């Protein structure tokens, strides 16, 4: 899903996404970023992204995805802590 398509989601449901915060300036996981920059994790490329994401219907299913891909995530997003966050809260900057 692309961020511009957010209107297509059911507003009555909470959606979860894997997210990461840049631990340092010009982080290897997102070259050119500032320290503390927030990203969702693109589940296809396992990279930090701002606009493209896949949603999960529950926090548990998001956490299961993170755990099943943790080795690859640590390779592509070194030093970043990947967390399951509610999409609406992430978009509002609350997570």
PDB file of N, CA and C in Angstrom:
ATOM      1  N   UNK A   1       0.848  -1.162   0.000  1.00  0.00           N
ATOM      2  CA  UNK A   1       0.000   0.000   0.000  1.00  0.00           C
ATOM      3  C   UNK A   1       0.898   1.230   0.000  1.00  0.00           C
ATOM      4  N   UNK A   2       0.456   2.250  -0.655  1.00  0.00           N
ATOM      5  CA  UNK A   2       1.175   3.519  -0.695  1.00  0.00           C
ATOM      6  C   UNK A   2       0.476   4.512   0.221  1.00  0.00           C
ATOM      7  N   UNK A   3       1.230   5.412   0.778  1.00  0.00           N
ATOM      8  CA  UNK A   3       0.660   6.378   1.731  1.00  0.00           C
ATOM      9  C   UNK A   3      -0.506   7.170   1.126  1.00  0.00           C
ATOM     10  N   UNK A   4      -0.455   7.441  -0.161  1.00  0.00           N
ATOM     11  CA  UNK A   4      -1.530   8.210  -0.796  1.00  0.00           C
ATOM     12  C   UNK A   4      -2.847   7.420  -0.843  1.00  0.00           C
ATOM     13  N   UNK A   5      -2.784   6.111  -0.633  1.00  0.00           N
ATOM     14  CA  UNK A   5      -3.979   5.255  -0.666  1.00  0.00           C
ATOM     15  C   UNK A   5      -4.552   5.002   0.726  1.00  0.00           C
ATOM     16  N   UNK A   6      -4.133   5.752   1.697  1.00  0.00           N
ATOM     17  CA  UNK A   6      -4.543   5.545   3.086  1.00  0.00           C
ATOM     18  C   UNK A   6      -6.066   5.627   3.256  1.00  0.00           C
ATOM     19  N   UNK A   7      -6.723   6.390   2.396  1.00  0.00           N
ATOM     20  CA  UNK A   7      -8.180   6.540   2.479  1.00  0.00           C
ATOM     21  C   UNK A   7      -8.923   5.226   2.240  1.00  0.00           C
ATOM     22  N   UNK A   8      -8.278   4.260   1.651  1.00  0.00           N
ATOM     23  CA  UNK A   8      -8.929   2.978   1.338  1.00  0.00           C
ATOM     24  C   UNK A   8      -9.032   2.049   2.539  1.00  0.00           C
ATOM     25  N   UNK A   9      -8.313   2.360   3.593  1.00  0.00           N
ATOM     26  CA  UNK A   9      -8.363   1.514   4.792  1.00  0.00           C
ATOM     27  C   UNK A   9      -9.660   1.747   5.554  1.00  0.00           C
ATOM     28  N   UNK A  10     -10.128   0.707   6.203  1.00  0.00           N
ATOM     29  CA  UNK A  10     -11.335   0.785   7.029  1.00  0.00           C
ATOM     30  C   UNK A  10     -11.012   1.575   8.295  1.00  0.00           C
ATOM     31  N   UNK A  11     -11.644   2.689   8.496  1.00  0.00           N
ATOM     32  CA  UNK A  11     -11.354   3.564   9.638  1.00  0.00           C
ATOM     33  C   UNK A  11     -11.763   2.959  10.966  1.00  0.00           C
ATOM     34  N   UNK A  12     -12.590   1.933  10.936  1.00  0.00           N
ATOM     35  CA  UNK A  12     -13.042   1.294  12.174  1.00  0.00           C
ATOM     36  C   UNK A  12     -12.036   0.292  12.715  1.00  0.00           C
ATOM     37  N   UNK A  13     -11.050  -0.045  11.932  1.00  0.00           N
ATOM     38  CA  UNK A  13     -10.067  -1.055  12.319  1.00  0.00           C
ATOM     39  C   UNK A  13      -8.712  -0.411  12.621  1.00  0.00           C
ATOM     40  N   UNK A  14      -8.026  -0.956  13.598  1.00  0.00           N
ATOM     41  CA  UNK A  14      -6.650  -0.532  13.889  1.00  0.00           C
ATOM     42  C   UNK A  14      -5.713  -1.365  13.018  1.00  0.00           C
ATOM     43  N   UNK A  15      -4.792  -0.710  12.354  1.00  0.00           N
ATOM     44  CA  UNK A  15      -3.800  -1.388  11.526  1.00  0.00           C
ATOM     45  C   UNK A  15      -2.431  -1.210  12.155  1.00  0.00           C
ATOM     46  N   UNK A  16      -1.606  -2.199  12.003  1.00  0.00           N
ATOM     47  CA  UNK A  16      -0.273  -2.210  12.586  1.00  0.00           C
ATOM     48  C   UNK A  16       0.771  -2.296  11.492  1.00  0.00           C
ATOM     49  N   UNK A  17       1.894  -1.645  11.708  1.00  0.00           N
ATOM     50  CA  UNK A  17       3.013  -1.676  10.763  1.00  0.00           C
ATOM     51  C   UNK A  17       4.317  -1.818  11.541  1.00  0.00           C
ATOM     52  N   UNK A  18       5.329  -2.444  10.933  1.00  0.00           N
ATOM     53  CA  UNK A  18       6.650  -2.440  11.559  1.00  0.00           C
ATOM     54  C   UNK A  18       7.293  -1.076  11.303  1.00  0.00           C
ATOM     55  N   UNK A  19       7.894  -0.501  12.327  1.00  0.00           N
ATOM     56  CA  UNK A  19       8.498   0.822  12.212  1.00  0.00           C
ATOM     57  C   UNK A  19       9.869   0.825  12.875  1.00  0.00           C
ATOM     58  N   UNK A  20      10.689   1.780  12.464  1.00  0.00           N
ATOM     59  CA  UNK A  20      12.041   1.908  12.991  1.00  0.00           C
ATOM     60  C   UNK A  20      12.398   3.389  13.072  1.00  0.00           C
ATOM     61  N   UNK A  21      13.246   3.722  14.033  1.00  0.00           N
ATOM     62  CA  UNK A  21      13.742   5.088  14.197  1.00  0.00           C
ATOM     63  C   UNK A  21      15.239   5.067  13.939  1.00  0.00           C
ATOM     64  N   UNK A  22      15.715   6.026  13.168  1.00  0.00           N
ATOM     65  CA  UNK A  22      17.136   6.115  12.842  1.00  0.00           C
ATOM     66  C   UNK A  22      17.962   6.358  14.101  1.00  0.00           C
ATOM     67  N   UNK A  23      18.909   5.473  14.406  1.00  0.00           N
ATOM     68  CA  UNK A  23      19.705   5.645  15.619  1.00  0.00           C
ATOM     69  C   UNK A  23      20.816   6.686  15.480  1.00  0.00           C
ATOM     70  N   UNK A  24      21.096   7.123  14.256  1.00  0.00           N
ATOM     71  CA  UNK A  24      22.175   8.087  14.037  1.00  0.00           C
ATOM     72  C   UNK A  24      21.976   8.843  12.733  1.00  0.00           C
ATOM     73  N   UNK A  25      22.673   9.948  12.623  1.00  0.00           N
ATOM     74  CA  UNK A  25      22.627  10.748  11.399  1.00  0.00           C
ATOM     75  C   UNK A  25      23.283   9.949  10.270  1.00  0.00           C
ATOM     76  N   UNK A  26      22.729  10.073   9.069  1.00  0.00           N
ATOM     77  CA  UNK A  26      23.248   9.378   7.888  1.00  0.00           C
ATOM     78  C   UNK A  26      23.386   7.872   8.147  1.00  0.00           C
ATOM     79  N   UNK A  27      22.376   7.326   8.747  1.00  0.00           N
ATOM     80  CA  UNK A  27      22.301   5.910   9.115  1.00  0.00           C
ATOM     81  C   UNK A  27      22.387   5.035   7.875  1.00  0.00           C
ATOM     82  N   UNK A  28      23.073   3.933   7.994  1.00  0.00           N
ATOM     83  CA  UNK A  28      23.228   3.006   6.862  1.00  0.00           C
ATOM     84  C   UNK A  28      21.882   2.450   6.383  1.00  0.00           C
ATOM     85  N   UNK A  29      20.893   2.364   7.281  1.00  0.00           N
ATOM     86  CA  UNK A  29      19.570   1.873   6.915  1.00  0.00           C
ATOM     87  C   UNK A  29      18.766   2.875   6.094  1.00  0.00           C
ATOM     88  N   UNK A  30      19.148   4.161   6.151  1.00  0.00           N
ATOM     89  CA  UNK A  30      18.475   5.230   5.394  1.00  0.00           C
ATOM     90  C   UNK A  30      19.488   6.366   5.179  1.00  0.00           C
ATOM     91  N   UNK A  31      20.397   6.184   4.235  1.00  0.00           N
ATOM     92  CA  UNK A  31      21.445   7.177   4.012  1.00  0.00           C
ATOM     93  C   UNK A  31      20.875   8.585   3.816  1.00  0.00           C
ATOM     94  N   UNK A  32      21.549   9.547   4.455  1.00  0.00           N
ATOM     95  CA  UNK A  32      21.140  10.936   4.333  1.00  0.00           C
ATOM     96  C   UNK A  32      20.119  11.388   5.362  1.00  0.00           C
ATOM     97  N   UNK A  33      19.642  10.487   6.206  1.00  0.00           N
ATOM     98  CA  UNK A  33      18.609  10.849   7.186  1.00  0.00           C
ATOM     99  C   UNK A  33      19.227  11.531   8.402  1.00  0.00           C
ATOM    100  N   UNK A  34      18.373  12.130   9.194  1.00  0.00           N
ATOM    101  CA  UNK A  34      18.816  12.717  10.459  1.00  0.00           C
ATOM    102  C   UNK A  34      18.619  11.693  11.575  1.00  0.00           C
ATOM    103  N   UNK A  35      19.303  11.902  12.684  1.00  0.00           N
ATOM    104  CA  UNK A  35      19.122  11.024  13.834  1.00  0.00           C
ATOM    105  C   UNK A  35      17.690  11.203  14.347  1.00  0.00           C
ATOM    106  N   UNK A  36      17.010  10.105  14.632  1.00  0.00           N
ATOM    107  CA  UNK A  36      15.643  10.159  15.135  1.00  0.00           C
ATOM    108  C   UNK A  36      14.577  10.168  14.051  1.00  0.00           C
ATOM    109  N   UNK A  37      14.981  10.087  12.787  1.00  0.00           N
ATOM    110  CA  UNK A  37      13.998  10.039  11.698  1.00  0.00           C
ATOM    111  C   UNK A  37      13.177   8.759  11.815  1.00  0.00           C
ATOM    112  N   UNK A  38      11.869   8.886  11.566  1.00  0.00           N
ATOM    113  CA  UNK A  38      10.955   7.749  11.710  1.00  0.00           C
ATOM    114  C   UNK A  38      10.624   7.154  10.347  1.00  0.00           C
ATOM    115  N   UNK A  39      10.611   5.834  10.276  1.00  0.00           N
ATOM    116  CA  UNK A  39      10.309   5.133   9.037  1.00  0.00           C
ATOM    117  C   UNK A  39       9.414   3.944   9.321  1.00  0.00           C
ATOM    118  N   UNK A  40       8.609   3.574   8.336  1.00  0.00           N
ATOM    119  CA  UNK A  40       7.966   2.269   8.362  1.00  0.00           C
ATOM    120  C   UNK A  40       8.920   1.321   7.645  1.00  0.00           C
ATOM    121  N   UNK A  41       8.740   0.036   7.850  1.00  0.00           N
ATOM    122  CA  UNK A  41       9.587  -0.956   7.199  1.00  0.00           C
ATOM    123  C   UNK A  41       8.831  -1.513   6.006  1.00  0.00           C
ATOM    124  N   UNK A  42       9.434  -1.410   4.837  1.00  0.00           N
ATOM    125  CA  UNK A  42       8.856  -1.989   3.632  1.00  0.00           C
ATOM    126  C   UNK A  42       9.012  -3.502   3.749  1.00  0.00           C
ATOM    127  N   UNK A  43       7.914  -4.219   3.814  1.00  0.00           N
ATOM    128  CA  UNK A  43       7.976  -5.663   4.049  1.00  0.00           C
ATOM    129  C   UNK A  43       8.505  -6.444   2.854  1.00  0.00           C
ATOM    130  N   UNK A  44       8.563  -5.825   1.702  1.00  0.00           N
ATOM    131  CA  UNK A  44       9.107  -6.515   0.520  1.00  0.00           C
ATOM    132  C   UNK A  44      10.629  -6.406   0.481  1.00  0.00           C
ATOM    133  N   UNK A  45      11.144  -5.201   0.641  1.00  0.00           N
ATOM    134  CA  UNK A  45      12.589  -4.983   0.550  1.00  0.00           C
ATOM    135  C   UNK A  45      13.278  -5.008   1.911  1.00  0.00           C
ATOM    136  N   UNK A  46      12.496  -5.026   2.993  1.00  0.00           N
ATOM    137  CA  UNK A  46      13.007  -4.989   4.365  1.00  0.00           C
ATOM    138  C   UNK A  46      13.853  -3.738   4.610  1.00  0.00           C
ATOM    139  N   UNK A  47      13.469  -2.649   3.982  1.00  0.00           N
ATOM    140  CA  UNK A  47      14.204  -1.398   4.128  1.00  0.00           C
ATOM    141  C   UNK A  47      13.331  -0.323   4.770  1.00  0.00           C
ATOM    142  N   UNK A  48      13.980   0.737   5.228  1.00  0.00           N
ATOM    143  CA  UNK A  48      13.267   1.878   5.807  1.00  0.00           C
ATOM    144  C   UNK A  48      12.595   2.651   4.684  1.00  0.00           C
ATOM    145  N   UNK A  49      11.346   3.035   4.918  1.00  0.00           N
ATOM    146  CA  UNK A  49      10.561   3.711   3.890  1.00  0.00           C
ATOM    147  C   UNK A  49       9.612   4.704   4.559  1.00  0.00           C
ATOM    148  N   UNK A  50       9.233   5.736   3.836  1.00  0.00           N
ATOM    149  CA  UNK A  50       8.285   6.712   4.381  1.00  0.00           C
ATOM    150  C   UNK A  50       6.897   6.584   3.752  1.00  0.00           C
ATOM    151  N   UNK A  51       6.826   6.039   2.565  1.00  0.00           N
ATOM    152  CA  UNK A  51       5.566   6.084   1.823  1.00  0.00           C
ATOM    153  C   UNK A  51       4.928   4.743   1.522  1.00  0.00           C
ATOM    154  N   UNK A  52       5.676   3.668   1.486  1.00  0.00           N
ATOM    155  CA  UNK A  52       5.100   2.381   1.099  1.00  0.00           C
ATOM    156  C   UNK A  52       5.148   1.441   2.300  1.00  0.00           C
ATOM    157  N   UNK A  53       4.039   0.771   2.537  1.00  0.00           N
ATOM    158  CA  UNK A  53       3.964  -0.105   3.700  1.00  0.00           C
ATOM    159  C   UNK A  53       2.890  -1.155   3.488  1.00  0.00           C
ATOM    160  N   UNK A  54       2.999  -2.218   4.226  1.00  0.00           N
ATOM    161  CA  UNK A  54       1.961  -3.238   4.296  1.00  0.00           C
ATOM    162  C   UNK A  54       1.437  -3.223   5.717  1.00  0.00           C
ATOM    163  N   UNK A  55       0.145  -3.430   5.849  1.00  0.00           N
ATOM    164  CA  UNK A  55      -0.466  -3.381   7.176  1.00  0.00           C
ATOM    165  C   UNK A  55      -0.755  -4.795   7.681  1.00  0.00           C
ATOM    166  N   UNK A  56      -0.833  -4.887   8.988  1.00  0.00           N
ATOM    167  CA  UNK A  56      -1.209  -6.119   9.667  1.00  0.00           C
ATOM    168  C   UNK A  56      -2.466  -5.829  10.468  1.00  0.00           C
ATOM    169  N   UNK A  57      -3.328  -6.819  10.604  1.00  0.00           N
ATOM    170  CA  UNK A  57      -4.602  -6.639  11.301  1.00  0.00           C
ATOM    171  C   UNK A  57      -4.478  -6.651  12.816  1.00  0.00           C
ATOM    172  N   UNK A  58      -3.345  -7.108  13.317  1.00  0.00           N
ATOM    173  CA  UNK A  58      -3.179  -7.137  14.770  1.00  0.00           C
ATOM    174  C   UNK A  58      -1.716  -6.885  15.118  1.00  0.00           C
ATOM    175  N   UNK A  59      -1.510  -6.467  16.352  1.00  0.00           N
ATOM    176  CA  UNK A  59      -0.157  -6.264  16.823  1.00  0.00           C
ATOM    177  C   UNK A  59       0.599  -7.596  16.826  1.00  0.00           C
ATOM    178  N   UNK A  60      -0.094  -8.657  17.208  1.00  0.00           N
ATOM    179  CA  UNK A  60       0.527  -9.973  17.251  1.00  0.00           C
ATOM    180  C   UNK A  60       1.032 -10.406  15.881  1.00  0.00           C
ATOM    181  N   UNK A  61       0.222 -10.246  14.845  1.00  0.00           N
ATOM    182  CA  UNK A  61       0.666 -10.677  13.508  1.00  0.00           C
ATOM    183  C   UNK A  61       1.840  -9.826  13.029  1.00  0.00           C
ATOM    184  N   UNK A  62       1.864  -8.545  13.388  1.00  0.00           N
ATOM    185  CA  UNK A  62       2.990  -7.682  13.035  1.00  0.00           C
ATOM    186  C   UNK A  62       4.253  -8.136  13.777  1.00  0.00           C
ATOM    187  N   UNK A  63       4.125  -8.410  15.055  1.00  0.00           N
ATOM    188  CA  UNK A  63       5.268  -8.884  15.836  1.00  0.00           C
ATOM    189  C   UNK A  63       5.785 -10.229  15.327  1.00  0.00           C
ATOM    190  N   UNK A  64       4.875 -11.113  14.928  1.00  0.00           N
ATOM    191  CA  UNK A  64       5.289 -12.407  14.371  1.00  0.00           C
ATOM    192  C   UNK A  64       6.090 -12.201  13.092  1.00  0.00           C
ATOM    193  N   UNK A  65       5.646 -11.259  12.244  1.00  0.00           N
ATOM    194  CA  UNK A  65       6.381 -10.969  11.009  1.00  0.00           C
ATOM    195  C   UNK A  65       7.776 -10.430  11.348  1.00  0.00           C
ATOM    196  N   UNK A  66       7.845  -9.504  12.295  1.00  0.00           N
ATOM    197  CA  UNK A  66       9.144  -8.936  12.697  1.00  0.00           C
ATOM    198  C   UNK A  66      10.069 -10.049  13.198  1.00  0.00           C
ATOM    199  N   UNK A  67       9.560 -10.913  14.052  1.00  0.00           N
ATOM    200  CA  UNK A  67      10.387 -11.989  14.605  1.00  0.00           C
ATOM    201  C   UNK A  67      10.843 -12.975  13.528  1.00  0.00           C
ATOM    202  N   UNK A  68       9.976 -13.268  12.576  1.00  0.00           N
ATOM    203  CA  UNK A  68      10.357 -14.233  11.538  1.00  0.00           C
ATOM    204  C   UNK A  68      11.361 -13.644  10.537  1.00  0.00           C
ATOM    205  N   UNK A  69      11.509 -12.327  10.507  1.00  0.00           N
ATOM    206  CA  UNK A  69      12.453 -11.677   9.589  1.00  0.00           C
ATOM    207  C   UNK A  69      13.574 -10.942  10.320  1.00  0.00           C
ATOM    208  N   UNK A  70      13.718 -11.197  11.611  1.00  0.00           N
ATOM    209  CA  UNK A  70      14.634 -10.389  12.416  1.00  0.00           C
ATOM    210  C   UNK A  70      16.083 -10.432  11.946  1.00  0.00           C
ATOM    211  N   UNK A  71      16.581 -11.568  11.494  1.00  0.00           N
ATOM    212  CA  UNK A  71      17.975 -11.641  11.035  1.00  0.00           C
ATOM    213  C   UNK A  71      18.186 -10.737   9.820  1.00  0.00           C
ATOM    214  N   UNK A  72      17.275 -10.806   8.864  1.00  0.00           N
ATOM    215  CA  UNK A  72      17.390  -9.962   7.671  1.00  0.00           C
ATOM    216  C   UNK A  72      17.181  -8.485   8.015  1.00  0.00           C
ATOM    217  N   UNK A  73      16.266  -8.199   8.936  1.00  0.00           N
ATOM    218  CA  UNK A  73      16.033  -6.810   9.346  1.00  0.00           C
ATOM    219  C   UNK A  73      17.271  -6.221  10.016  1.00  0.00           C
ATOM    220  N   UNK A  74      17.962  -7.004  10.816  1.00  0.00           N
ATOM    221  CA  UNK A  74      19.179  -6.518  11.467  1.00  0.00           C
ATOM    222  C   UNK A  74      20.285  -6.256  10.455  1.00  0.00           C
ATOM    223  N   UNK A  75      20.256  -6.981   9.358  1.00  0.00           N
ATOM    224  CA  UNK A  75      21.237  -6.750   8.292  1.00  0.00           C
ATOM    225  C   UNK A  75      20.935  -5.474   7.515  1.00  0.00           C
ATOM    226  N   UNK A  76      19.653  -5.259   7.180  1.00  0.00           N
ATOM    227  CA  UNK A  76      19.291  -4.091   6.361  1.00  0.00           C
ATOM    228  C   UNK A  76      19.074  -2.828   7.176  1.00  0.00           C
ATOM    229  N   UNK A  77      18.772  -2.978   8.467  1.00  0.00           N
ATOM    230  CA  UNK A  77      18.513  -1.829   9.349  1.00  0.00           C
ATOM    231  C   UNK A  77      19.385  -1.930  10.599  1.00  0.00           C
ATOM    232  N   UNK A  78      20.704  -1.925  10.435  1.00  0.00           N
ATOM    233  CA  UNK A  78      21.608  -2.175  11.565  1.00  0.00           C
ATOM    234  C   UNK A  78      21.489  -1.112  12.657  1.00  0.00           C
ATOM    235  N   UNK A  79      21.373  -1.576  13.878  1.00  0.00           N
ATOM    236  CA  UNK A  79      21.298  -0.668  15.016  1.00  0.00           C
ATOM    237  C   UNK A  79      19.916  -0.100  15.286  1.00  0.00           C
ATOM    238  N   UNK A  80      18.987  -0.312  14.372  1.00  0.00           N
ATOM    239  CA  UNK A  80      17.625   0.188  14.559  1.00  0.00           C
ATOM    240  C   UNK A  80      16.779  -0.806  15.324  1.00  0.00           C
ATOM    241  N   UNK A  81      15.878  -0.301  16.146  1.00  0.00           N
ATOM    242  CA  UNK A  81      14.950  -1.161  16.873  1.00  0.00           C
ATOM    243  C   UNK A  81      13.630  -1.178  16.118  1.00  0.00           C
ATOM    244  N   UNK A  82      13.278  -2.332  15.592  1.00  0.00           N
ATOM    245  CA  UNK A  82      12.041  -2.475  14.824  1.00  0.00           C
ATOM    246  C   UNK A  82      10.930  -2.810  15.800  1.00  0.00           C
ATOM    247  N   UNK A  83       9.840  -2.021  15.734  1.00  0.00           N
ATOM    248  CA  UNK A  83       8.703  -2.205  16.644  1.00  0.00           C
ATOM    249  C   UNK A  83       7.415  -2.291  15.845  1.00  0.00           C
ATOM    250  N   UNK A  84       6.427  -2.914  16.426  1.00  0.00           N
ATOM    251  CA  UNK A  84       5.078  -2.924  15.851  1.00  0.00           C
ATOM    252  C   UNK A  84       4.356  -1.694  16.396  1.00  0.00           C
ATOM    253  N   UNK A  85       3.874  -0.820  15.503  1.00  0.00           N
ATOM    254  CA  UNK A  85       3.172   0.398  15.926  1.00  0.00           C
ATOM    255  C   UNK A  85       1.840   0.496  15.196  1.00  0.00           C
ATOM    256  N   UNK A  86       0.896   1.168  15.829  1.00  0.00           N
ATOM    257  CA  UNK A  86      -0.380   1.414  15.160  1.00  0.00           C
ATOM    258  C   UNK A  86      -0.163   2.441  14.070  1.00  0.00           C
ATOM    259  N   UNK A  87      -0.654   2.161  12.884  1.00  0.00           N
ATOM    260  CA  UNK A  87      -0.452   3.033  11.738  1.00  0.00           C
ATOM    261  C   UNK A  87      -1.002   4.429  11.978  1.00  0.00           C
ATOM    262  N   UNK A  88      -2.197   4.538  12.546  1.00  0.00           N
ATOM    263  CA  UNK A  88      -2.779   5.866  12.762  1.00  0.00           C
ATOM    264  C   UNK A  88      -1.922   6.702  13.703  1.00  0.00           C
ATOM    265  N   UNK A  89      -1.408   6.094  14.749  1.00  0.00           N
ATOM    266  CA  UNK A  89      -0.548   6.813  15.693  1.00  0.00           C
ATOM    267  C   UNK A  89       0.788   7.176  15.063  1.00  0.00           C
ATOM    268  N   UNK A  90       1.306   6.312  14.206  1.00  0.00           N
ATOM    269  CA  UNK A  90       2.567   6.604  13.534  1.00  0.00           C
ATOM    270  C   UNK A  90       2.393   7.786  12.581  1.00  0.00           C
ATOM    271  N   UNK A  91       1.295   7.781  11.826  1.00  0.00           N
ATOM    272  CA  UNK A  91       1.057   8.875  10.888  1.00  0.00           C
ATOM    273  C   UNK A  91       0.876  10.219  11.597  1.00  0.00           C
ATOM    274  N   UNK A  92       0.353  10.188  12.818  1.00  0.00           N
ATOM    275  CA  UNK A  92       0.171  11.417  13.594  1.00  0.00           C
ATOM    276  C   UNK A  92       1.426  11.813  14.378  1.00  0.00           C
ATOM    277  N   UNK A  93       2.464  10.980  14.309  1.00  0.00           N
ATOM    278  CA  UNK A  93       3.701  11.291  15.025  1.00  0.00           C
ATOM    279  C   UNK A  93       3.656  10.955  16.495  1.00  0.00           C
ATOM    280  N   UNK A  94       2.707  10.134  16.899  1.00  0.00           N
ATOM    281  CA  UNK A  94       2.552   9.773  18.308  1.00  0.00           C
ATOM    282  C   UNK A  94       3.349   8.526  18.677  1.00  0.00           C
ATOM    283  N   UNK A  95       3.847   7.821  17.714  1.00  0.00           N
ATOM    284  CA  UNK A  95       4.674   6.602  17.955  1.00  0.00           C
ATOM    285  C   UNK A  95       6.049   6.831  17.390  1.00  0.00           C
TER     286      UNK A  95
END
